[in-house]
């Protein structure tokens, strides 16, 4: 069986990717420092503890497992924190990714599937965002991801490194079997926060900004189910294995939901009220981010089968009620 090195495989998206890889016949090897991930989320292949900035450790892991590809999720991803502490994001995300890419090339592992973000596009309201849209990130998180994309392109020119870059929109939901799910400490993502408010784990959900130029004053985002998202990553891996060459894909549904609309869907799914308070805008947040791309569907054959808001919330609610990680 082929081995794939999954950085950040103990995190939310990475752990779901490991399950998808396992189901597709690969051996996922998780490389994670557990700064934001969970050891007992690693259930589908070997675990190797390490930091991406530790080149010696990376070389050891590449030598041990000889992966055919890297699936790179490991990153700090809090927009507000990146604005307050940009150096932390440039060091962790960019320096760590550079060390990883250098180690991969040195080991002869020439296929990389990279987890990027729609945050590289910045605030482009009323613009159809496709893969050729200009990138103007408005926060250090988005800027760090754009920088990693540029590193991949440079290494492609210099060494022939093949890569698929996925720029995705808001990720939600959980494994339908509730083996793994979304669990952050502290929690910052909308759907887990509103589920915590519903079951009394927090007093209320805070809406960050109600004066945006949107129909109801709250931010609008394009949401994609985590299982659909990682299915695309497996398709991207196969794309590279088939020698299709480097490519960028947006992953979104093309449908935007405002914060208030997500809250209403959660009320409908859980049949419970959501206590809400209104707060100020967060630094670095833009009004609307929605994908206008069909490239992943046309070229990869990707179909986001579970990415309705009702299904995403229902799967997240099932996981929320089942259990959480403990280490």
C-alpha atoms as a PDB file:
ATOM      1  CA  UNK A   1       0.000   0.000   0.000  1.00  0.00           C
ATOM      2  CA  UNK A   2       1.163   3.532  -0.756  1.00  0.00           C
ATOM      3  CA  UNK A   3       1.998   5.849   2.117  1.00  0.00           C
ATOM      4  CA  UNK A   4       0.984   9.520   2.309  1.00  0.00           C
ATOM      5  CA  UNK A   5       2.487  11.915   4.863  1.00  0.00           C
ATOM      6  CA  UNK A   6      -0.330  14.005   6.363  1.00  0.00           C
ATOM      7  CA  UNK A   7       0.889  17.064   8.223  1.00  0.00           C
ATOM      8  CA  UNK A   8      -1.647  18.234  10.776  1.00  0.00           C
ATOM      9  CA  UNK A   9      -3.301  14.825  10.645  1.00  0.00           C
ATOM     10  CA  UNK A  10      -4.383  15.139  14.286  1.00  0.00           C
ATOM     11  CA  UNK A  11      -6.434  18.240  13.521  1.00  0.00           C
ATOM     12  CA  UNK A  12      -9.985  18.723  12.318  1.00  0.00           C
ATOM     13  CA  UNK A  13      -9.530  18.537   8.549  1.00  0.00           C
ATOM     14  CA  UNK A  14      -6.365  16.422   8.667  1.00  0.00           C
ATOM     15  CA  UNK A  15      -7.991  13.637  10.672  1.00  0.00           C
ATOM     16  CA  UNK A  16     -10.877  13.461   8.213  1.00  0.00           C
ATOM     17  CA  UNK A  17      -8.340  13.326   5.379  1.00  0.00           C
ATOM     18  CA  UNK A  18      -6.616  10.398   7.079  1.00  0.00           C
ATOM     19  CA  UNK A  19      -9.908   8.501   7.215  1.00  0.00           C
ATOM     20  CA  UNK A  20     -10.589   9.250   3.541  1.00  0.00           C
ATOM     21  CA  UNK A  21      -7.082   8.136   2.569  1.00  0.00           C
ATOM     22  CA  UNK A  22      -7.452   4.933   4.580  1.00  0.00           C
ATOM     23  CA  UNK A  23     -10.757   4.195   2.864  1.00  0.00           C
ATOM     24  CA  UNK A  24      -9.123   4.876  -0.521  1.00  0.00           C
ATOM     25  CA  UNK A  25      -6.397   2.300   0.114  1.00  0.00           C
ATOM     26  CA  UNK A  26      -3.521   4.496   1.277  1.00  0.00           C
ATOM     27  CA  UNK A  27      -1.619   4.449   4.576  1.00  0.00           C
ATOM     28  CA  UNK A  28      -1.845   7.936   6.106  1.00  0.00           C
ATOM     29  CA  UNK A  29       1.096   8.842   8.348  1.00  0.00           C
ATOM     30  CA  UNK A  30       0.209  11.729  10.642  1.00  0.00           C
ATOM     31  CA  UNK A  31       2.945  14.255  11.413  1.00  0.00           C
ATOM     32  CA  UNK A  32       1.742  16.671  14.091  1.00  0.00           C
ATOM     33  CA  UNK A  33       3.098  18.564  17.094  1.00  0.00           C
ATOM     34  CA  UNK A  34      -0.341  18.511  18.790  1.00  0.00           C
ATOM     35  CA  UNK A  35      -0.299  22.268  19.321  1.00  0.00           C
ATOM     36  CA  UNK A  36      -3.858  22.384  18.007  1.00  0.00           C
ATOM     37  CA  UNK A  37      -4.480  18.699  17.225  1.00  0.00           C
ATOM     38  CA  UNK A  38      -5.455  15.693  19.316  1.00  0.00           C
ATOM     39  CA  UNK A  39      -3.555  12.435  19.687  1.00  0.00           C
ATOM     40  CA  UNK A  40      -6.721  10.340  19.913  1.00  0.00           C
ATOM     41  CA  UNK A  41      -7.960  11.784  16.619  1.00  0.00           C
ATOM     42  CA  UNK A  42      -5.232   9.702  14.943  1.00  0.00           C
ATOM     43  CA  UNK A  43      -7.070   6.451  14.222  1.00  0.00           C
ATOM     44  CA  UNK A  44      -6.321   5.460  10.655  1.00  0.00           C
ATOM     45  CA  UNK A  45      -2.540   5.103  10.410  1.00  0.00           C
ATOM     46  CA  UNK A  46       0.804   5.699  12.174  1.00  0.00           C
ATOM     47  CA  UNK A  47       1.527   8.802  14.223  1.00  0.00           C
ATOM     48  CA  UNK A  48       4.825  10.688  14.270  1.00  0.00           C
ATOM     49  CA  UNK A  49       5.287  13.582  16.646  1.00  0.00           C
ATOM     50  CA  UNK A  50       7.242  16.522  15.313  1.00  0.00           C
ATOM     51  CA  UNK A  51       7.371  20.179  14.337  1.00  0.00           C
ATOM     52  CA  UNK A  52       7.608  21.211  10.698  1.00  0.00           C
ATOM     53  CA  UNK A  53      10.454  23.590  11.511  1.00  0.00           C
ATOM     54  CA  UNK A  54      12.584  20.616  12.643  1.00  0.00           C
ATOM     55  CA  UNK A  55      14.265  19.545   9.420  1.00  0.00           C
ATOM     56  CA  UNK A  56      16.120  16.625  11.018  1.00  0.00           C
ATOM     57  CA  UNK A  57      12.860  15.167  12.307  1.00  0.00           C
ATOM     58  CA  UNK A  58      11.239  15.572   8.901  1.00  0.00           C
ATOM     59  CA  UNK A  59      14.150  13.806   7.214  1.00  0.00           C
ATOM     60  CA  UNK A  60      13.782  10.895   9.641  1.00  0.00           C
ATOM     61  CA  UNK A  61      10.082  10.500   8.860  1.00  0.00           C
ATOM     62  CA  UNK A  62      10.589  10.700   5.088  1.00  0.00           C
ATOM     63  CA  UNK A  63      13.339   8.080   5.316  1.00  0.00           C
ATOM     64  CA  UNK A  64      11.223   5.755   7.470  1.00  0.00           C
ATOM     65  CA  UNK A  65       8.008   5.821   5.431  1.00  0.00           C
ATOM     66  CA  UNK A  66       9.054   6.851   1.906  1.00  0.00           C
ATOM     67  CA  UNK A  67       5.681   8.517   1.179  1.00  0.00           C
ATOM     68  CA  UNK A  68       4.494   8.905  -2.399  1.00  0.00           C
ATOM     69  CA  UNK A  69       3.005  12.292  -1.531  1.00  0.00           C
ATOM     70  CA  UNK A  70       2.530  14.900   1.165  1.00  0.00           C
ATOM     71  CA  UNK A  71      -0.898  16.195   2.163  1.00  0.00           C
ATOM     72  CA  UNK A  72      -0.117  19.439   3.967  1.00  0.00           C
ATOM     73  CA  UNK A  73      -2.706  20.739   6.467  1.00  0.00           C
ATOM     74  CA  UNK A  74      -0.547  21.800   9.428  1.00  0.00           C
ATOM     75  CA  UNK A  75      -0.937  25.537  10.072  1.00  0.00           C
ATOM     76  CA  UNK A  76      -2.106  28.132  12.523  1.00  0.00           C
ATOM     77  CA  UNK A  77      -5.404  29.453  11.195  1.00  0.00           C
ATOM     78  CA  UNK A  78      -6.978  32.062  13.477  1.00  0.00           C
ATOM     79  CA  UNK A  79      -7.485  35.311  11.583  1.00  0.00           C
ATOM     80  CA  UNK A  80      -7.701  37.509  14.673  1.00  0.00           C
ATOM     81  CA  UNK A  81      -4.605  35.977  16.240  1.00  0.00           C
ATOM     82  CA  UNK A  82      -2.681  36.435  12.999  1.00  0.00           C
ATOM     83  CA  UNK A  83      -3.505  40.159  13.043  1.00  0.00           C
ATOM     84  CA  UNK A  84      -2.374  40.482  16.667  1.00  0.00           C
ATOM     85  CA  UNK A  85       0.751  38.301  16.314  1.00  0.00           C
ATOM     86  CA  UNK A  86       1.830  38.170  12.652  1.00  0.00           C
ATOM     87  CA  UNK A  87       5.343  36.914  13.379  1.00  0.00           C
ATOM     88  CA  UNK A  88       3.922  33.744  14.886  1.00  0.00           C
ATOM     89  CA  UNK A  89       2.088  33.013  11.633  1.00  0.00           C
ATOM     90  CA  UNK A  90       4.983  33.759   9.315  1.00  0.00           C
ATOM     91  CA  UNK A  91       7.296  31.601  11.419  1.00  0.00           C
ATOM     92  CA  UNK A  92       4.972  28.647  11.917  1.00  0.00           C
ATOM     93  CA  UNK A  93       3.131  28.573   8.599  1.00  0.00           C
ATOM     94  CA  UNK A  94       5.719  29.814   6.125  1.00  0.00           C
ATOM     95  CA  UNK A  95       8.986  28.680   7.705  1.00  0.00           C
ATOM     96  CA  UNK A  96       7.461  25.315   8.608  1.00  0.00           C
ATOM     97  CA  UNK A  97       6.124  24.807   5.085  1.00  0.00           C
ATOM     98  CA  UNK A  98       9.471  25.741   3.549  1.00  0.00           C
ATOM     99  CA  UNK A  99      11.266  23.151   5.691  1.00  0.00           C
ATOM    100  CA  UNK A 100       8.644  20.549   4.744  1.00  0.00           C
ATOM    101  CA  UNK A 101       8.906  21.249   1.020  1.00  0.00           C
ATOM    102  CA  UNK A 102      12.698  21.177   1.149  1.00  0.00           C
ATOM    103  CA  UNK A 103      12.624  17.831   2.977  1.00  0.00           C
ATOM    104  CA  UNK A 104      10.127  16.381   0.497  1.00  0.00           C
ATOM    105  CA  UNK A 105      12.247  17.350  -2.507  1.00  0.00           C
ATOM    106  CA  UNK A 106      15.383  16.037  -0.815  1.00  0.00           C
ATOM    107  CA  UNK A 107      13.636  12.696  -0.220  1.00  0.00           C
ATOM    108  CA  UNK A 108      12.368  12.494  -3.790  1.00  0.00           C
ATOM    109  CA  UNK A 109       8.732  12.917  -2.732  1.00  0.00           C
ATOM    110  CA  UNK A 110       7.580  15.159  -5.563  1.00  0.00           C
ATOM    111  CA  UNK A 111       3.799  15.315  -5.066  1.00  0.00           C
ATOM    112  CA  UNK A 112       2.263  17.802  -2.614  1.00  0.00           C
ATOM    113  CA  UNK A 113      -1.418  18.465  -1.968  1.00  0.00           C
ATOM    114  CA  UNK A 114      -1.653  21.783  -0.130  1.00  0.00           C
ATOM    115  CA  UNK A 115      -4.434  23.103   2.062  1.00  0.00           C
ATOM    116  CA  UNK A 116      -4.744  26.780   1.153  1.00  0.00           C
ATOM    117  CA  UNK A 117      -7.631  29.154   1.730  1.00  0.00           C
ATOM    118  CA  UNK A 118     -10.008  31.616   0.133  1.00  0.00           C
ATOM    119  CA  UNK A 119      -8.517  34.150   2.570  1.00  0.00           C
ATOM    120  CA  UNK A 120      -5.780  34.675  -0.036  1.00  0.00           C
ATOM    121  CA  UNK A 121      -8.353  36.565  -2.133  1.00  0.00           C
ATOM    122  CA  UNK A 122      -9.037  39.134   0.560  1.00  0.00           C
ATOM    123  CA  UNK A 123     -12.147  41.292   0.643  1.00  0.00           C
ATOM    124  CA  UNK A 124     -13.616  41.243  -2.873  1.00  0.00           C
ATOM    125  CA  UNK A 125     -17.311  41.752  -2.300  1.00  0.00           C
ATOM    126  CA  UNK A 126     -19.676  41.101  -5.219  1.00  0.00           C
ATOM    127  CA  UNK A 127     -16.843  39.482  -7.176  1.00  0.00           C
ATOM    128  CA  UNK A 128     -17.138  35.919  -8.490  1.00  0.00           C
ATOM    129  CA  UNK A 129     -14.073  34.270  -6.969  1.00  0.00           C
ATOM    130  CA  UNK A 130     -12.400  31.744  -9.213  1.00  0.00           C
ATOM    131  CA  UNK A 131      -8.859  30.435  -9.382  1.00  0.00           C
ATOM    132  CA  UNK A 132      -7.735  33.359 -11.547  1.00  0.00           C
ATOM    133  CA  UNK A 133      -9.090  36.048  -9.204  1.00  0.00           C
ATOM    134  CA  UNK A 134      -6.460  38.413  -7.880  1.00  0.00           C
ATOM    135  CA  UNK A 135      -5.079  37.562  -4.456  1.00  0.00           C
ATOM    136  CA  UNK A 136      -5.103  40.439  -1.979  1.00  0.00           C
ATOM    137  CA  UNK A 137      -5.152  38.917   1.525  1.00  0.00           C
ATOM    138  CA  UNK A 138      -6.172  41.361   4.242  1.00  0.00           C
ATOM    139  CA  UNK A 139      -4.722  39.458   7.191  1.00  0.00           C
ATOM    140  CA  UNK A 140      -1.436  37.680   7.951  1.00  0.00           C
ATOM    141  CA  UNK A 141      -3.099  34.255   7.943  1.00  0.00           C
ATOM    142  CA  UNK A 142      -4.180  34.676   4.321  1.00  0.00           C
ATOM    143  CA  UNK A 143      -0.848  36.254   3.420  1.00  0.00           C
ATOM    144  CA  UNK A 144       1.059  33.304   4.890  1.00  0.00           C
ATOM    145  CA  UNK A 145      -0.969  30.848   2.804  1.00  0.00           C
ATOM    146  CA  UNK A 146      -0.371  32.869  -0.355  1.00  0.00           C
ATOM    147  CA  UNK A 147       3.359  32.846   0.401  1.00  0.00           C
ATOM    148  CA  UNK A 148       3.324  29.043   0.661  1.00  0.00           C
ATOM    149  CA  UNK A 149       1.595  28.838  -2.715  1.00  0.00           C
ATOM    150  CA  UNK A 150       4.438  30.920  -4.156  1.00  0.00           C
ATOM    151  CA  UNK A 151       7.035  28.632  -2.575  1.00  0.00           C
ATOM    152  CA  UNK A 152       5.359  25.635  -4.216  1.00  0.00           C
ATOM    153  CA  UNK A 153       5.431  27.352  -7.598  1.00  0.00           C
ATOM    154  CA  UNK A 154       9.107  28.262  -7.211  1.00  0.00           C
ATOM    155  CA  UNK A 155      10.026  24.689  -6.272  1.00  0.00           C
ATOM    156  CA  UNK A 156       7.985  23.436  -9.209  1.00  0.00           C
ATOM    157  CA  UNK A 157      10.107  25.543 -11.584  1.00  0.00           C
ATOM    158  CA  UNK A 158      13.401  24.693  -9.891  1.00  0.00           C
ATOM    159  CA  UNK A 159      12.938  20.999  -9.096  1.00  0.00           C
ATOM    160  CA  UNK A 160       9.821  19.742 -10.865  1.00  0.00           C
ATOM    161  CA  UNK A 161       7.765  19.515  -7.674  1.00  0.00           C
ATOM    162  CA  UNK A 162       4.160  18.669  -8.568  1.00  0.00           C
ATOM    163  CA  UNK A 163       1.430  20.227  -6.464  1.00  0.00           C
ATOM    164  CA  UNK A 164      -2.292  20.665  -6.171  1.00  0.00           C
ATOM    165  CA  UNK A 165      -3.407  23.739  -4.244  1.00  0.00           C
ATOM    166  CA  UNK A 166      -6.904  23.761  -2.763  1.00  0.00           C
ATOM    167  CA  UNK A 167      -8.258  27.171  -1.774  1.00  0.00           C
ATOM    168  CA  UNK A 168     -11.292  26.418   0.250  1.00  0.00           C
ATOM    169  CA  UNK A 169     -14.026  28.295   1.892  1.00  0.00           C
ATOM    170  CA  UNK A 170     -15.518  27.700   5.347  1.00  0.00           C
ATOM    171  CA  UNK A 171     -15.317  24.068   6.396  1.00  0.00           C
ATOM    172  CA  UNK A 172     -18.076  22.577   8.543  1.00  0.00           C
ATOM    173  CA  UNK A 173     -19.687  19.312   9.573  1.00  0.00           C
ATOM    174  CA  UNK A 174     -18.135  16.114  10.861  1.00  0.00           C
ATOM    175  CA  UNK A 175     -17.663  12.459  10.048  1.00  0.00           C
ATOM    176  CA  UNK A 176     -21.216  11.038   9.674  1.00  0.00           C
ATOM    177  CA  UNK A 177     -20.156   8.028  11.772  1.00  0.00           C
ATOM    178  CA  UNK A 178     -18.970  10.412  14.528  1.00  0.00           C
ATOM    179  CA  UNK A 179     -15.570   8.725  14.833  1.00  0.00           C
ATOM    180  CA  UNK A 180     -13.897  12.115  14.496  1.00  0.00           C
ATOM    181  CA  UNK A 181     -15.110  15.692  14.428  1.00  0.00           C
ATOM    182  CA  UNK A 182     -14.396  19.353  15.011  1.00  0.00           C
ATOM    183  CA  UNK A 183     -12.985  20.186  18.434  1.00  0.00           C
ATOM    184  CA  UNK A 184     -10.809  23.196  19.174  1.00  0.00           C
ATOM    185  CA  UNK A 185      -9.664  24.712  22.434  1.00  0.00           C
ATOM    186  CA  UNK A 186     -10.493  27.524  22.451  1.00  0.00           C
ATOM    187  CA  UNK A 187     -13.277  27.085  19.941  1.00  0.00           C
ATOM    188  CA  UNK A 188     -13.543  29.848  17.322  1.00  0.00           C
ATOM    189  CA  UNK A 189     -15.640  28.374  14.496  1.00  0.00           C
ATOM    190  CA  UNK A 190     -19.242  29.407  14.076  1.00  0.00           C
ATOM    191  CA  UNK A 191     -21.110  26.098  13.994  1.00  0.00           C
ATOM    192  CA  UNK A 192     -19.390  24.474  17.016  1.00  0.00           C
ATOM    193  CA  UNK A 193     -19.838  27.731  18.933  1.00  0.00           C
ATOM    194  CA  UNK A 194     -23.557  27.883  18.258  1.00  0.00           C
ATOM    195  CA  UNK A 195     -23.948  24.203  19.187  1.00  0.00           C
ATOM    196  CA  UNK A 196     -22.201  24.947  22.481  1.00  0.00           C
ATOM    197  CA  UNK A 197     -24.626  27.813  23.036  1.00  0.00           C
ATOM    198  CA  UNK A 198     -27.567  25.515  22.309  1.00  0.00           C
ATOM    199  CA  UNK A 199     -26.532  22.887  24.860  1.00  0.00           C
ATOM    200  CA  UNK A 200     -25.494  25.375  27.541  1.00  0.00           C
ATOM    201  CA  UNK A 201     -21.710  24.987  27.337  1.00  0.00           C
ATOM    202  CA  UNK A 202     -21.544  28.747  26.806  1.00  0.00           C
ATOM    203  CA  UNK A 203     -23.995  31.459  27.751  1.00  0.00           C
ATOM    204  CA  UNK A 204     -24.560  32.710  24.210  1.00  0.00           C
ATOM    205  CA  UNK A 205     -23.171  32.867  20.698  1.00  0.00           C
ATOM    206  CA  UNK A 206     -21.544  36.199  19.907  1.00  0.00           C
ATOM    207  CA  UNK A 207     -22.201  37.573  16.440  1.00  0.00           C
ATOM    208  CA  UNK A 208     -19.056  39.489  15.511  1.00  0.00           C
ATOM    209  CA  UNK A 209     -20.377  42.453  13.596  1.00  0.00           C
ATOM    210  CA  UNK A 210     -23.958  43.255  12.590  1.00  0.00           C
ATOM    211  CA  UNK A 211     -23.215  46.316  10.441  1.00  0.00           C
ATOM    212  CA  UNK A 212     -21.696  44.675   7.374  1.00  0.00           C
ATOM    213  CA  UNK A 213     -23.114  45.694   3.958  1.00  0.00           C
ATOM    214  CA  UNK A 214     -25.080  42.453   3.627  1.00  0.00           C
ATOM    215  CA  UNK A 215     -28.853  41.866   3.646  1.00  0.00           C
ATOM    216  CA  UNK A 216     -28.969  41.153   7.403  1.00  0.00           C
ATOM    217  CA  UNK A 217     -25.781  42.955   8.463  1.00  0.00           C
ATOM    218  CA  UNK A 218     -23.732  39.831   9.154  1.00  0.00           C
ATOM    219  CA  UNK A 219     -20.857  38.236   7.244  1.00  0.00           C
ATOM    220  CA  UNK A 220     -21.609  35.830   4.405  1.00  0.00           C
ATOM    221  CA  UNK A 221     -19.547  32.714   3.812  1.00  0.00           C
ATOM    222  CA  UNK A 222     -19.543  29.687   1.502  1.00  0.00           C
ATOM    223  CA  UNK A 223     -19.571  26.460   3.570  1.00  0.00           C
ATOM    224  CA  UNK A 224     -18.329  23.049   2.448  1.00  0.00           C
ATOM    225  CA  UNK A 225     -18.681  19.778   4.347  1.00  0.00           C
ATOM    226  CA  UNK A 226     -15.384  18.464   5.695  1.00  0.00           C
ATOM    227  CA  UNK A 227     -16.003  15.025   4.140  1.00  0.00           C
ATOM    228  CA  UNK A 228     -16.599  16.567   0.720  1.00  0.00           C
ATOM    229  CA  UNK A 229     -13.471  18.636   1.194  1.00  0.00           C
ATOM    230  CA  UNK A 230     -11.194  15.696   1.955  1.00  0.00           C
ATOM    231  CA  UNK A 231     -12.722  13.674  -0.881  1.00  0.00           C
ATOM    232  CA  UNK A 232     -11.416  16.434  -3.150  1.00  0.00           C
ATOM    233  CA  UNK A 233      -7.963  16.025  -1.615  1.00  0.00           C
ATOM    234  CA  UNK A 234      -7.942  12.323  -2.475  1.00  0.00           C
ATOM    235  CA  UNK A 235      -8.980  13.228  -6.029  1.00  0.00           C
ATOM    236  CA  UNK A 236      -6.164  15.786  -6.091  1.00  0.00           C
ATOM    237  CA  UNK A 237      -3.679  13.141  -4.977  1.00  0.00           C
ATOM    238  CA  UNK A 238      -4.807  10.833  -7.762  1.00  0.00           C
ATOM    239  CA  UNK A 239      -4.569  13.735 -10.221  1.00  0.00           C
ATOM    240  CA  UNK A 240      -0.887  14.092  -9.319  1.00  0.00           C
ATOM    241  CA  UNK A 241      -0.242  10.343  -9.416  1.00  0.00           C
ATOM    242  CA  UNK A 242      -1.662  10.286 -12.939  1.00  0.00           C
ATOM    243  CA  UNK A 243       0.854  12.935 -14.002  1.00  0.00           C
ATOM    244  CA  UNK A 244      -1.724  15.644 -14.653  1.00  0.00           C
ATOM    245  CA  UNK A 245       0.610  18.401 -13.429  1.00  0.00           C
ATOM    246  CA  UNK A 246       0.278  21.227 -10.925  1.00  0.00           C
ATOM    247  CA  UNK A 247      -3.123  22.882 -10.550  1.00  0.00           C
ATOM    248  CA  UNK A 248      -5.115  25.228  -8.310  1.00  0.00           C
ATOM    249  CA  UNK A 249      -8.709  24.474  -7.339  1.00  0.00           C
ATOM    250  CA  UNK A 250     -11.282  26.404  -5.333  1.00  0.00           C
ATOM    251  CA  UNK A 251     -13.471  24.254  -3.102  1.00  0.00           C
ATOM    252  CA  UNK A 252     -16.840  25.779  -2.333  1.00  0.00           C
ATOM    253  CA  UNK A 253     -20.486  25.308  -3.192  1.00  0.00           C
ATOM    254  CA  UNK A 254     -21.122  28.729  -4.693  1.00  0.00           C
ATOM    255  CA  UNK A 255     -23.838  29.390  -2.099  1.00  0.00           C
ATOM    256  CA  UNK A 256     -23.333  31.929   0.673  1.00  0.00           C
ATOM    257  CA  UNK A 257     -24.925  31.857   4.118  1.00  0.00           C
ATOM    258  CA  UNK A 258     -24.925  34.773   6.525  1.00  0.00           C
ATOM    259  CA  UNK A 259     -24.233  34.218  10.212  1.00  0.00           C
ATOM    260  CA  UNK A 260     -27.907  34.782  10.995  1.00  0.00           C
ATOM    261  CA  UNK A 261     -28.959  32.258   8.336  1.00  0.00           C
ATOM    262  CA  UNK A 262     -26.644  29.623   9.841  1.00  0.00           C
ATOM    263  CA  UNK A 263     -28.188  30.295  13.250  1.00  0.00           C
ATOM    264  CA  UNK A 264     -31.679  29.790  11.836  1.00  0.00           C
ATOM    265  CA  UNK A 265     -30.651  26.491  10.231  1.00  0.00           C
ATOM    266  CA  UNK A 266     -29.217  25.317  13.556  1.00  0.00           C
ATOM    267  CA  UNK A 267     -32.515  26.131  15.271  1.00  0.00           C
ATOM    268  CA  UNK A 268     -34.331  24.048  12.662  1.00  0.00           C
ATOM    269  CA  UNK A 269     -31.952  21.073  12.911  1.00  0.00           C
ATOM    270  CA  UNK A 270     -31.772  20.906  16.706  1.00  0.00           C
ATOM    271  CA  UNK A 271     -35.274  22.216  17.399  1.00  0.00           C
ATOM    272  CA  UNK A 272     -33.761  24.353  20.145  1.00  0.00           C
ATOM    273  CA  UNK A 273     -33.222  28.096  20.565  1.00  0.00           C
ATOM    274  CA  UNK A 274     -29.795  29.665  20.078  1.00  0.00           C
ATOM    275  CA  UNK A 275     -28.989  32.362  22.649  1.00  0.00           C
ATOM    276  CA  UNK A 276     -27.252  35.212  20.818  1.00  0.00           C
ATOM    277  CA  UNK A 277     -25.490  38.465  21.713  1.00  0.00           C
ATOM    278  CA  UNK A 278     -24.190  41.039  19.270  1.00  0.00           C
ATOM    279  CA  UNK A 279     -20.566  42.154  19.357  1.00  0.00           C
ATOM    280  CA  UNK A 280     -18.153  44.292  17.330  1.00  0.00           C
ATOM    281  CA  UNK A 281     -16.470  43.224  14.133  1.00  0.00           C
ATOM    282  CA  UNK A 282     -13.273  41.172  14.320  1.00  0.00           C
ATOM    283  CA  UNK A 283     -10.115  42.577  12.763  1.00  0.00           C
ATOM    284  CA  UNK A 284      -9.369  41.046   9.375  1.00  0.00           C
ATOM    285  CA  UNK A 285     -12.891  39.797   8.593  1.00  0.00           C
ATOM    286  CA  UNK A 286     -14.387  40.664   5.211  1.00  0.00           C
ATOM    287  CA  UNK A 287     -18.067  40.862   4.295  1.00  0.00           C
ATOM    288  CA  UNK A 288     -18.531  38.101   1.741  1.00  0.00           C
ATOM    289  CA  UNK A 289     -16.498  35.150   0.473  1.00  0.00           C
ATOM    290  CA  UNK A 290     -18.244  32.824  -1.980  1.00  0.00           C
ATOM    291  CA  UNK A 291     -16.760  30.583  -4.669  1.00  0.00           C
ATOM    292  CA  UNK A 292     -17.703  31.021  -8.300  1.00  0.00           C
ATOM    293  CA  UNK A 293     -15.599  28.169  -9.605  1.00  0.00           C
ATOM    294  CA  UNK A 294     -16.601  24.867 -11.185  1.00  0.00           C
ATOM    295  CA  UNK A 295     -13.043  23.750 -12.028  1.00  0.00           C
ATOM    296  CA  UNK A 296     -12.919  21.037  -9.342  1.00  0.00           C
ATOM    297  CA  UNK A 297     -16.168  19.554 -10.621  1.00  0.00           C
ATOM    298  CA  UNK A 298     -15.138  19.701 -14.264  1.00  0.00           C
ATOM    299  CA  UNK A 299     -11.534  18.518 -13.956  1.00  0.00           C
ATOM    300  CA  UNK A 300     -11.486  16.360 -10.805  1.00  0.00           C
ATOM    301  CA  UNK A 301     -15.040  15.096 -10.993  1.00  0.00           C
ATOM    302  CA  UNK A 302     -15.664  16.456  -7.494  1.00  0.00           C
ATOM    303  CA  UNK A 303     -19.229  16.563  -6.206  1.00  0.00           C
ATOM    304  CA  UNK A 304     -19.888  18.135  -2.767  1.00  0.00           C
ATOM    305  CA  UNK A 305     -22.593  15.615  -1.865  1.00  0.00           C
ATOM    306  CA  UNK A 306     -22.988  16.484   1.844  1.00  0.00           C
ATOM    307  CA  UNK A 307     -22.545  20.252   1.668  1.00  0.00           C
ATOM    308  CA  UNK A 308     -26.058  21.417   2.449  1.00  0.00           C
ATOM    309  CA  UNK A 309     -26.217  23.566   5.558  1.00  0.00           C
ATOM    310  CA  UNK A 310     -28.755  21.241   7.153  1.00  0.00           C
ATOM    311  CA  UNK A 311     -26.544  18.166   6.649  1.00  0.00           C
ATOM    312  CA  UNK A 312     -23.427  19.948   7.870  1.00  0.00           C
ATOM    313  CA  UNK A 313     -25.131  21.072  11.058  1.00  0.00           C
ATOM    314  CA  UNK A 314     -26.783  17.680  11.609  1.00  0.00           C
ATOM    315  CA  UNK A 315     -23.437  15.856  11.304  1.00  0.00           C
ATOM    316  CA  UNK A 316     -21.744  18.396  13.567  1.00  0.00           C
ATOM    317  CA  UNK A 317     -24.558  18.077  16.125  1.00  0.00           C
ATOM    318  CA  UNK A 318     -24.229  14.274  16.121  1.00  0.00           C
ATOM    319  CA  UNK A 319     -20.492  14.531  16.798  1.00  0.00           C
ATOM    320  CA  UNK A 320     -21.070  17.263  19.391  1.00  0.00           C
ATOM    321  CA  UNK A 321     -23.428  14.997  21.328  1.00  0.00           C
ATOM    322  CA  UNK A 322     -21.224  11.888  20.993  1.00  0.00           C
ATOM    323  CA  UNK A 323     -17.935  12.957  22.486  1.00  0.00           C
ATOM    324  CA  UNK A 324     -14.772  14.985  22.265  1.00  0.00           C
ATOM    325  CA  UNK A 325     -11.033  14.459  22.303  1.00  0.00           C
ATOM    326  CA  UNK A 326      -9.321  14.302  25.656  1.00  0.00           C
ATOM    327  CA  UNK A 327      -5.618  14.744  25.028  1.00  0.00           C
END
